[in-house]
């Protein structure tokens, strides 16, 4: 299910995702779904190997998402 259909189905208006800063693949996926970086939270996640690491807070205003006609 894509972001537009999920937003419509569940009547979502805002979306937030928190990703470990070193997880570039997750950041790319979120960006592809329309999420943008809101802020970086320094040392906010306890990584099992790296200790405290930064996280990235991503935001998407889902009220602006439109579904294609006829879907």
C-alpha atoms as a PDB file:
ATOM      1  CA  UNK A   1       0.000   0.000   0.000  1.00  0.00           C
ATOM      2  CA  UNK A   2       1.432   3.402  -0.885  1.00  0.00           C
ATOM      3  CA  UNK A   3       1.516   6.454   1.372  1.00  0.00           C
ATOM      4  CA  UNK A   4      -1.371   8.214  -0.394  1.00  0.00           C
ATOM      5  CA  UNK A   5      -3.708   5.226  -0.064  1.00  0.00           C
ATOM      6  CA  UNK A   6      -2.728   4.636   3.568  1.00  0.00           C
ATOM      7  CA  UNK A   7      -3.337   8.300   4.401  1.00  0.00           C
ATOM      8  CA  UNK A   8      -6.757   8.157   2.782  1.00  0.00           C
ATOM      9  CA  UNK A   9      -7.750   4.803   4.301  1.00  0.00           C
ATOM     10  CA  UNK A  10      -6.813   5.672   7.872  1.00  0.00           C
ATOM     11  CA  UNK A  11      -7.510   9.417   7.571  1.00  0.00           C
ATOM     12  CA  UNK A  12      -3.962  10.259   8.586  1.00  0.00           C
ATOM     13  CA  UNK A  13      -2.916  13.897   8.600  1.00  0.00           C
ATOM     14  CA  UNK A  14       0.642  13.835   9.950  1.00  0.00           C
ATOM     15  CA  UNK A  15       3.373  11.252   9.774  1.00  0.00           C
ATOM     16  CA  UNK A  16       6.621  11.021  11.709  1.00  0.00           C
ATOM     17  CA  UNK A  17       9.426   8.512  11.451  1.00  0.00           C
ATOM     18  CA  UNK A  18      12.532   8.210  13.625  1.00  0.00           C
ATOM     19  CA  UNK A  19      15.570   6.623  11.968  1.00  0.00           C
ATOM     20  CA  UNK A  20      19.092   5.994  13.247  1.00  0.00           C
ATOM     21  CA  UNK A  21      21.248   8.593  11.473  1.00  0.00           C
ATOM     22  CA  UNK A  22      23.621   5.980  10.042  1.00  0.00           C
ATOM     23  CA  UNK A  23      20.738   4.079   8.398  1.00  0.00           C
ATOM     24  CA  UNK A  24      20.920   5.809   5.030  1.00  0.00           C
ATOM     25  CA  UNK A  25      18.757   3.185   3.289  1.00  0.00           C
ATOM     26  CA  UNK A  26      15.838   3.871   5.651  1.00  0.00           C
ATOM     27  CA  UNK A  27      16.279   7.610   5.142  1.00  0.00           C
ATOM     28  CA  UNK A  28      16.161   7.138   1.340  1.00  0.00           C
ATOM     29  CA  UNK A  29      12.986   5.041   1.588  1.00  0.00           C
ATOM     30  CA  UNK A  30      11.316   7.627   3.824  1.00  0.00           C
ATOM     31  CA  UNK A  31      12.371  10.442   1.464  1.00  0.00           C
ATOM     32  CA  UNK A  32      10.935   8.500  -1.478  1.00  0.00           C
ATOM     33  CA  UNK A  33       7.624   8.388   0.428  1.00  0.00           C
ATOM     34  CA  UNK A  34       7.642  12.165   0.843  1.00  0.00           C
ATOM     35  CA  UNK A  35       9.157  12.462   4.311  1.00  0.00           C
ATOM     36  CA  UNK A  36      11.548  15.356   4.993  1.00  0.00           C
ATOM     37  CA  UNK A  37      14.100  15.825   7.761  1.00  0.00           C
ATOM     38  CA  UNK A  38      12.609  17.791  10.627  1.00  0.00           C
ATOM     39  CA  UNK A  39      15.580  17.593  12.994  1.00  0.00           C
ATOM     40  CA  UNK A  40      18.495  15.503  14.212  1.00  0.00           C
ATOM     41  CA  UNK A  41      18.362  14.268  17.794  1.00  0.00           C
ATOM     42  CA  UNK A  42      21.938  13.877  19.042  1.00  0.00           C
ATOM     43  CA  UNK A  43      22.812  10.701  20.943  1.00  0.00           C
ATOM     44  CA  UNK A  44      19.154   9.662  21.215  1.00  0.00           C
ATOM     45  CA  UNK A  45      19.458   5.932  20.483  1.00  0.00           C
ATOM     46  CA  UNK A  46      21.462   3.282  22.315  1.00  0.00           C
ATOM     47  CA  UNK A  47      22.996   1.195  19.511  1.00  0.00           C
ATOM     48  CA  UNK A  48      24.149  -2.253  20.689  1.00  0.00           C
ATOM     49  CA  UNK A  49      27.563  -1.907  19.000  1.00  0.00           C
ATOM     50  CA  UNK A  50      28.134   1.841  18.625  1.00  0.00           C
ATOM     51  CA  UNK A  51      26.733   3.138  21.888  1.00  0.00           C
ATOM     52  CA  UNK A  52      24.715   6.362  21.799  1.00  0.00           C
ATOM     53  CA  UNK A  53      24.082   7.473  18.208  1.00  0.00           C
ATOM     54  CA  UNK A  54      22.142  10.292  16.560  1.00  0.00           C
ATOM     55  CA  UNK A  55      18.635   9.795  15.180  1.00  0.00           C
ATOM     56  CA  UNK A  56      16.861  11.666  12.420  1.00  0.00           C
ATOM     57  CA  UNK A  57      13.228  12.729  12.857  1.00  0.00           C
ATOM     58  CA  UNK A  58      11.399  12.775   9.527  1.00  0.00           C
ATOM     59  CA  UNK A  59       8.004  14.404   8.953  1.00  0.00           C
ATOM     60  CA  UNK A  60       5.367  14.177   6.253  1.00  0.00           C
ATOM     61  CA  UNK A  61       2.248  16.327   6.099  1.00  0.00           C
ATOM     62  CA  UNK A  62      -0.046  13.597   4.783  1.00  0.00           C
ATOM     63  CA  UNK A  63      -2.971  15.985   4.419  1.00  0.00           C
ATOM     64  CA  UNK A  64      -1.249  17.231   1.243  1.00  0.00           C
ATOM     65  CA  UNK A  65      -0.988  13.736  -0.266  1.00  0.00           C
ATOM     66  CA  UNK A  66      -3.384  13.070  -3.124  1.00  0.00           C
ATOM     67  CA  UNK A  67      -4.434   9.720  -4.522  1.00  0.00           C
ATOM     68  CA  UNK A  68      -4.521   9.219  -8.307  1.00  0.00           C
ATOM     69  CA  UNK A  69      -7.974   9.544  -9.887  1.00  0.00           C
ATOM     70  CA  UNK A  70      -9.866   6.299 -10.059  1.00  0.00           C
ATOM     71  CA  UNK A  71      -7.889   4.462  -7.371  1.00  0.00           C
END
